[in-house]
Amino acid sequence: MLGAEDALQTGQIAVLLCDGRDDAIREQHYVRTLLARRVDGIIVTGRRTDPRPPLSAGFPVPIVYAMSEPANPEDASVLPDDEGGGRVRQAPDVDAIFCGSDQIARGVSEALRELGRRVPDDVALVGFDNWTVIAEASRPPLTTIDMNLTEVGRTAARLLLAAIDGHTAHGTHLVPCQLVAREPTRA
């Protein structure tokens, strides 16, 4: 949300935040409320577990999905490139890596296997996203893959602004992830 808010405020657009809490009835209530306020567009966020149904067919304002994969592949969505982030070349002496998703874990596993490491025998895969407090508080501090969520939000907002101006994007837009090396890999 921070990235989306930053990008939208530069266009002098106010941000209204609604939390549907994975409740379809609550979500529809907020959609009706936002449309009644004559919003210019909507960014729908989620947890990325499964493709989600669209808000509705023939929606009157542009929609961009962020961290949520729409069931219709033509809809604009912005996701971290989890698997690509996991493929970032790991140092051969890594002992543990903090992964934010199954896709990151898959990419990390493949990259480590290419380096001759066995997962999970040689390297432990744990966790979610680049949660600095958890990663740095671990002993030893864990190397993580940063899903670059601020940039996901910023990109979604830019796509929404473009759609409001009549330049609608389609399909999935991936934001690169990056390796955050901590003690085990710095040596």
C-alpha atoms as a PDB file:
ATOM      1  CA  MET A   1       0.000   0.000   0.000  1.00  0.00           C
ATOM      2  CA  LEU A   2       2.894   2.385   0.669  1.00  0.00           C
ATOM      3  CA  GLY A   3       4.143   2.127  -2.905  1.00  0.00           C
ATOM      4  CA  ALA A   4       0.655   2.591  -4.347  1.00  0.00           C
ATOM      5  CA  GLU A   5      -0.025   5.585  -2.135  1.00  0.00           C
ATOM      6  CA  ASP A   6       3.306   7.206  -3.055  1.00  0.00           C
ATOM      7  CA  ALA A   7       2.658   6.813  -6.780  1.00  0.00           C
ATOM      8  CA  LEU A   8      -0.956   7.970  -6.602  1.00  0.00           C
ATOM      9  CA  GLN A   9      -0.231  11.025  -4.484  1.00  0.00           C
ATOM     10  CA  THR A  10       2.201  12.301  -7.116  1.00  0.00           C
ATOM     11  CA  GLY A  11      -0.823  12.332  -9.433  1.00  0.00           C
ATOM     12  CA  GLN A  12      -2.747  14.167  -6.683  1.00  0.00           C
ATOM     13  CA  ILE A  13      -5.119  11.262  -6.197  1.00  0.00           C
ATOM     14  CA  ALA A  14      -6.444  10.468  -2.728  1.00  0.00           C
ATOM     15  CA  VAL A  15      -6.275   6.850  -1.574  1.00  0.00           C
ATOM     16  CA  LEU A  16      -9.207   5.161   0.153  1.00  0.00           C
ATOM     17  CA  LEU A  17      -8.382   1.891   1.910  1.00  0.00           C
ATOM     18  CA  CYS A  18     -10.962  -0.855   2.387  1.00  0.00           C
ATOM     19  CA  ASP A  19     -10.273  -4.260   3.941  1.00  0.00           C
ATOM     20  CA  GLY A  20     -12.532  -6.970   2.565  1.00  0.00           C
ATOM     21  CA  ARG A  21     -10.940  -9.580   4.873  1.00  0.00           C
ATOM     22  CA  ASP A  22     -11.465 -12.330   2.292  1.00  0.00           C
ATOM     23  CA  ASP A  23     -15.227 -11.901   2.723  1.00  0.00           C
ATOM     24  CA  ALA A  24     -17.103 -11.654  -0.605  1.00  0.00           C
ATOM     25  CA  ILE A  25     -20.082  -9.831   0.953  1.00  0.00           C
ATOM     26  CA  ARG A  26     -17.836  -7.262   2.640  1.00  0.00           C
ATOM     27  CA  GLU A  27     -15.886  -6.834  -0.613  1.00  0.00           C
ATOM     28  CA  GLN A  28     -19.067  -6.161  -2.616  1.00  0.00           C
ATOM     29  CA  HIS A  29     -20.212  -3.649   0.018  1.00  0.00           C
ATOM     30  CA  TYR A  30     -16.926  -1.758  -0.355  1.00  0.00           C
ATOM     31  CA  VAL A  31     -17.104  -1.892  -4.146  1.00  0.00           C
ATOM     32  CA  ARG A  32     -20.606  -0.365  -4.085  1.00  0.00           C
ATOM     33  CA  THR A  33     -19.405   2.273  -1.592  1.00  0.00           C
ATOM     34  CA  LEU A  34     -16.366   3.177  -3.708  1.00  0.00           C
ATOM     35  CA  LEU A  35     -18.408   3.396  -6.894  1.00  0.00           C
ATOM     36  CA  ALA A  36     -20.959   5.598  -5.102  1.00  0.00           C
ATOM     37  CA  ARG A  37     -18.057   7.924  -4.218  1.00  0.00           C
ATOM     38  CA  ARG A  38     -17.209   8.004  -7.940  1.00  0.00           C
ATOM     39  CA  VAL A  39     -13.651   6.711  -7.589  1.00  0.00           C
ATOM     40  CA  ASP A  40     -11.449   6.833 -10.695  1.00  0.00           C
ATOM     41  CA  GLY A  41     -10.165   3.268 -10.324  1.00  0.00           C
ATOM     42  CA  ILE A  42      -9.524   0.406  -7.913  1.00  0.00           C
ATOM     43  CA  ILE A  43      -6.462  -1.594  -6.941  1.00  0.00           C
ATOM     44  CA  VAL A  44      -7.471  -4.995  -5.574  1.00  0.00           C
ATOM     45  CA  THR A  45      -4.915  -6.655  -3.317  1.00  0.00           C
ATOM     46  CA  GLY A  46      -4.816 -10.174  -2.001  1.00  0.00           C
ATOM     47  CA  ARG A  47      -2.768 -12.970  -0.596  1.00  0.00           C
ATOM     48  CA  ARG A  48      -2.019 -14.741  -3.903  1.00  0.00           C
ATOM     49  CA  THR A  49      -3.126 -18.196  -2.895  1.00  0.00           C
ATOM     50  CA  ASP A  50      -5.439 -18.931  -5.822  1.00  0.00           C
ATOM     51  CA  PRO A  51      -6.617 -16.975  -8.849  1.00  0.00           C
ATOM     52  CA  ARG A  52      -9.513 -14.825  -7.712  1.00  0.00           C
ATOM     53  CA  PRO A  53     -12.741 -14.110  -9.571  1.00  0.00           C
ATOM     54  CA  PRO A  54     -13.004 -10.643 -11.118  1.00  0.00           C
ATOM     55  CA  LEU A  55     -14.910  -7.986  -9.181  1.00  0.00           C
ATOM     56  CA  SER A  56     -17.607  -8.066 -11.874  1.00  0.00           C
ATOM     57  CA  ALA A  57     -17.979  -8.094 -15.625  1.00  0.00           C
ATOM     58  CA  GLY A  58     -18.183  -4.728 -17.355  1.00  0.00           C
ATOM     59  CA  PHE A  59     -16.826  -2.839 -14.364  1.00  0.00           C
ATOM     60  CA  PRO A  60     -17.300   0.946 -14.793  1.00  0.00           C
ATOM     61  CA  VAL A  61     -13.790   1.980 -13.631  1.00  0.00           C
ATOM     62  CA  PRO A  62     -10.324   0.529 -14.294  1.00  0.00           C
ATOM     63  CA  ILE A  63      -9.121  -2.251 -11.991  1.00  0.00           C
ATOM     64  CA  VAL A  64      -5.573  -3.457 -11.360  1.00  0.00           C
ATOM     65  CA  TYR A  65      -4.850  -6.462  -9.182  1.00  0.00           C
ATOM     66  CA  ALA A  66      -1.753  -6.406  -6.945  1.00  0.00           C
ATOM     67  CA  MET A  67      -0.506  -9.473  -5.070  1.00  0.00           C
ATOM     68  CA  SER A  68      -3.641 -11.133  -6.373  1.00  0.00           C
ATOM     69  CA  GLU A  69      -3.852 -13.151  -9.544  1.00  0.00           C
ATOM     70  CA  PRO A  70      -7.158 -12.641 -11.354  1.00  0.00           C
ATOM     71  CA  ALA A  71      -8.880 -15.655 -12.907  1.00  0.00           C
ATOM     72  CA  ASN A  72      -8.963 -13.797 -16.233  1.00  0.00           C
ATOM     73  CA  PRO A  73      -5.366 -13.631 -17.557  1.00  0.00           C
ATOM     74  CA  GLU A  74      -6.276 -10.541 -19.605  1.00  0.00           C
ATOM     75  CA  ASP A  75      -6.898  -8.484 -16.466  1.00  0.00           C
ATOM     76  CA  ALA A  76      -3.934  -6.356 -15.359  1.00  0.00           C
ATOM     77  CA  SER A  77      -2.099  -7.749 -12.353  1.00  0.00           C
ATOM     78  CA  VAL A  78       1.207  -7.020 -10.642  1.00  0.00           C
ATOM     79  CA  LEU A  79       3.068  -9.757  -8.801  1.00  0.00           C
ATOM     80  CA  PRO A  80       6.559 -10.193  -7.429  1.00  0.00           C
ATOM     81  CA  ASP A  81       8.648 -12.480  -9.624  1.00  0.00           C
ATOM     82  CA  ASP A  82       8.910 -15.016  -6.819  1.00  0.00           C
ATOM     83  CA  GLU A  83      10.372 -17.840  -8.823  1.00  0.00           C
ATOM     84  CA  GLY A  84      12.848 -15.540 -10.578  1.00  0.00           C
ATOM     85  CA  GLY A  85      13.779 -14.053  -7.223  1.00  0.00           C
ATOM     86  CA  GLY A  86      14.416 -17.502  -5.887  1.00  0.00           C
ATOM     87  CA  ARG A  87      16.741 -18.195  -8.793  1.00  0.00           C
ATOM     88  CA  VAL A  88      19.053 -15.365  -7.748  1.00  0.00           C
ATOM     89  CA  ARG A  89      22.418 -17.092  -7.533  1.00  0.00           C
ATOM     90  CA  GLN A  90      22.936 -18.098  -3.944  1.00  0.00           C
ATOM     91  CA  ALA A  91      26.389 -18.187  -2.365  1.00  0.00           C
ATOM     92  CA  PRO A  92      27.508 -21.808  -2.034  1.00  0.00           C
ATOM     93  CA  ASP A  93      27.952 -21.477   1.757  1.00  0.00           C
ATOM     94  CA  VAL A  94      24.339 -20.470   2.544  1.00  0.00           C
ATOM     95  CA  ASP A  95      22.871 -22.482   5.454  1.00  0.00           C
ATOM     96  CA  ALA A  96      19.313 -21.169   5.540  1.00  0.00           C
ATOM     97  CA  ILE A  97      17.154 -18.919   3.396  1.00  0.00           C
ATOM     98  CA  PHE A  98      13.905 -17.225   4.304  1.00  0.00           C
ATOM     99  CA  CYS A  99      11.312 -17.732   1.488  1.00  0.00           C
ATOM    100  CA  GLY A 100       8.071 -15.779   1.052  1.00  0.00           C
ATOM    101  CA  SER A 101       6.216 -18.214  -1.158  1.00  0.00           C
ATOM    102  CA  ASP A 102       6.240 -21.615  -2.764  1.00  0.00           C
ATOM    103  CA  GLN A 103       7.453 -19.967  -5.976  1.00  0.00           C
ATOM    104  CA  ILE A 104      10.476 -18.443  -4.220  1.00  0.00           C
ATOM    105  CA  ALA A 105      11.238 -21.758  -2.533  1.00  0.00           C
ATOM    106  CA  ARG A 106      11.046 -23.528  -5.909  1.00  0.00           C
ATOM    107  CA  GLY A 107      13.449 -21.043  -7.525  1.00  0.00           C
ATOM    108  CA  VAL A 108      15.843 -21.165  -4.554  1.00  0.00           C
ATOM    109  CA  SER A 109      15.819 -24.955  -4.557  1.00  0.00           C
ATOM    110  CA  GLU A 110      16.591 -25.116  -8.277  1.00  0.00           C
ATOM    111  CA  ALA A 111      19.421 -22.573  -8.015  1.00  0.00           C
ATOM    112  CA  LEU A 112      20.971 -24.334  -5.035  1.00  0.00           C
ATOM    113  CA  ARG A 113      20.730 -27.749  -6.697  1.00  0.00           C
ATOM    114  CA  GLU A 114      22.555 -26.316  -9.724  1.00  0.00           C
ATOM    115  CA  LEU A 115      25.320 -25.364  -7.274  1.00  0.00           C
ATOM    116  CA  GLY A 116      25.441 -28.932  -5.978  1.00  0.00           C
ATOM    117  CA  ARG A 117      23.585 -28.207  -2.709  1.00  0.00           C
ATOM    118  CA  ARG A 118      20.826 -30.463  -1.392  1.00  0.00           C
ATOM    119  CA  VAL A 119      17.589 -28.953  -0.124  1.00  0.00           C
ATOM    120  CA  PRO A 120      16.661 -29.398   2.731  1.00  0.00           C
ATOM    121  CA  ASP A 121      19.663 -31.532   3.762  1.00  0.00           C
ATOM    122  CA  ASP A 122      22.333 -28.853   3.179  1.00  0.00           C
ATOM    123  CA  VAL A 123      20.144 -25.740   3.212  1.00  0.00           C
ATOM    124  CA  ALA A 124      16.996 -24.990   5.206  1.00  0.00           C
ATOM    125  CA  LEU A 125      14.196 -23.030   3.510  1.00  0.00           C
ATOM    126  CA  VAL A 126      11.979 -21.149   5.972  1.00  0.00           C
ATOM    127  CA  GLY A 127       9.692 -18.180   6.419  1.00  0.00           C
ATOM    128  CA  PHE A 128       7.867 -15.472   4.529  1.00  0.00           C
ATOM    129  CA  ASP A 129       9.099 -12.424   2.602  1.00  0.00           C
ATOM    130  CA  ASN A 130      11.948 -10.156   3.750  1.00  0.00           C
ATOM    131  CA  TRP A 131      10.669  -9.552   7.262  1.00  0.00           C
ATOM    132  CA  THR A 132      13.731  -7.771   8.541  1.00  0.00           C
ATOM    133  CA  VAL A 133      12.963  -8.202  12.248  1.00  0.00           C
ATOM    134  CA  ILE A 134      12.558 -11.978  11.958  1.00  0.00           C
ATOM    135  CA  ALA A 135      15.427 -12.470   9.524  1.00  0.00           C
ATOM    136  CA  GLU A 136      17.905 -10.379  11.520  1.00  0.00           C
ATOM    137  CA  ALA A 137      16.775 -11.699  14.913  1.00  0.00           C
ATOM    138  CA  SER A 138      17.482 -15.289  13.856  1.00  0.00           C
ATOM    139  CA  ARG A 139      20.792 -16.815  14.890  1.00  0.00           C
ATOM    140  CA  PRO A 140      22.498 -16.698  12.493  1.00  0.00           C
ATOM    141  CA  PRO A 141      20.586 -13.899  10.686  1.00  0.00           C
ATOM    142  CA  LEU A 142      18.808 -15.462   7.715  1.00  0.00           C
ATOM    143  CA  THR A 143      19.402 -14.600   4.083  1.00  0.00           C
ATOM    144  CA  THR A 144      16.056 -13.680   2.525  1.00  0.00           C
ATOM    145  CA  ILE A 145      14.409 -12.978  -0.807  1.00  0.00           C
ATOM    146  CA  ASP A 146      12.841  -9.511  -0.724  1.00  0.00           C
ATOM    147  CA  MET A 147       9.568  -9.630  -2.691  1.00  0.00           C
ATOM    148  CA  ASN A 148       9.847  -5.851  -3.293  1.00  0.00           C
ATOM    149  CA  LEU A 149       6.251  -5.228  -2.220  1.00  0.00           C
ATOM    150  CA  THR A 150       6.593  -1.434  -2.274  1.00  0.00           C
ATOM    151  CA  GLU A 151       7.462  -1.623  -5.969  1.00  0.00           C
ATOM    152  CA  VAL A 152       4.539  -4.016  -6.564  1.00  0.00           C
ATOM    153  CA  GLY A 153       2.216  -1.340  -5.168  1.00  0.00           C
ATOM    154  CA  ARG A 154       3.951   1.457  -7.059  1.00  0.00           C
ATOM    155  CA  THR A 155       3.692  -0.488 -10.346  1.00  0.00           C
ATOM    156  CA  ALA A 156       0.015  -1.284  -9.745  1.00  0.00           C
ATOM    157  CA  ALA A 157      -0.671   2.413  -9.135  1.00  0.00           C
ATOM    158  CA  ARG A 158       1.169   3.423 -12.322  1.00  0.00           C
ATOM    159  CA  LEU A 159      -0.852   0.887 -14.326  1.00  0.00           C
ATOM    160  CA  LEU A 160      -4.045   2.208 -12.746  1.00  0.00           C
ATOM    161  CA  LEU A 161      -3.136   5.825 -13.572  1.00  0.00           C
ATOM    162  CA  ALA A 162      -2.402   4.802 -17.168  1.00  0.00           C
ATOM    163  CA  ALA A 163      -5.744   2.958 -17.364  1.00  0.00           C
ATOM    164  CA  ILE A 164      -7.555   6.023 -16.012  1.00  0.00           C
ATOM    165  CA  ASP A 165      -5.916   7.971 -18.863  1.00  0.00           C
ATOM    166  CA  GLY A 166      -7.207   5.397 -21.378  1.00  0.00           C
ATOM    167  CA  HIS A 167      -4.086   3.212 -21.705  1.00  0.00           C
ATOM    168  CA  THR A 168      -5.276  -0.072 -20.247  1.00  0.00           C
ATOM    169  CA  ALA A 169      -2.664  -2.742 -19.538  1.00  0.00           C
ATOM    170  CA  HIS A 170      -3.384  -6.451 -19.730  1.00  0.00           C
ATOM    171  CA  GLY A 171      -1.805  -9.568 -18.299  1.00  0.00           C
ATOM    172  CA  THR A 172       0.624 -10.163 -15.470  1.00  0.00           C
ATOM    173  CA  HIS A 173       3.432  -7.703 -14.772  1.00  0.00           C
ATOM    174  CA  LEU A 174       6.277  -9.149 -12.688  1.00  0.00           C
ATOM    175  CA  VAL A 175       8.398  -7.071 -10.326  1.00  0.00           C
ATOM    176  CA  PRO A 176      11.935  -8.420  -9.727  1.00  0.00           C
ATOM    177  CA  CYS A 177      12.785  -9.773  -6.300  1.00  0.00           C
ATOM    178  CA  GLN A 178      16.246  -9.516  -4.790  1.00  0.00           C
ATOM    179  CA  LEU A 179      18.522 -11.444  -2.490  1.00  0.00           C
ATOM    180  CA  VAL A 180      19.161  -9.848   0.908  1.00  0.00           C
ATOM    181  CA  ALA A 181      22.364 -11.502   2.122  1.00  0.00           C
ATOM    182  CA  ARG A 182      22.922 -11.652   5.837  1.00  0.00           C
ATOM    183  CA  GLU A 183      25.577 -13.339   7.992  1.00  0.00           C
ATOM    184  CA  PRO A 184      25.537 -16.894   6.540  1.00  0.00           C
ATOM    185  CA  THR A 185      26.264 -15.661   2.993  1.00  0.00           C
ATOM    186  CA  ARG A 186      28.367 -12.549   3.625  1.00  0.00           C
ATOM    187  CA  ALA A 187      31.504 -14.539   4.343  1.00  0.00           C
END
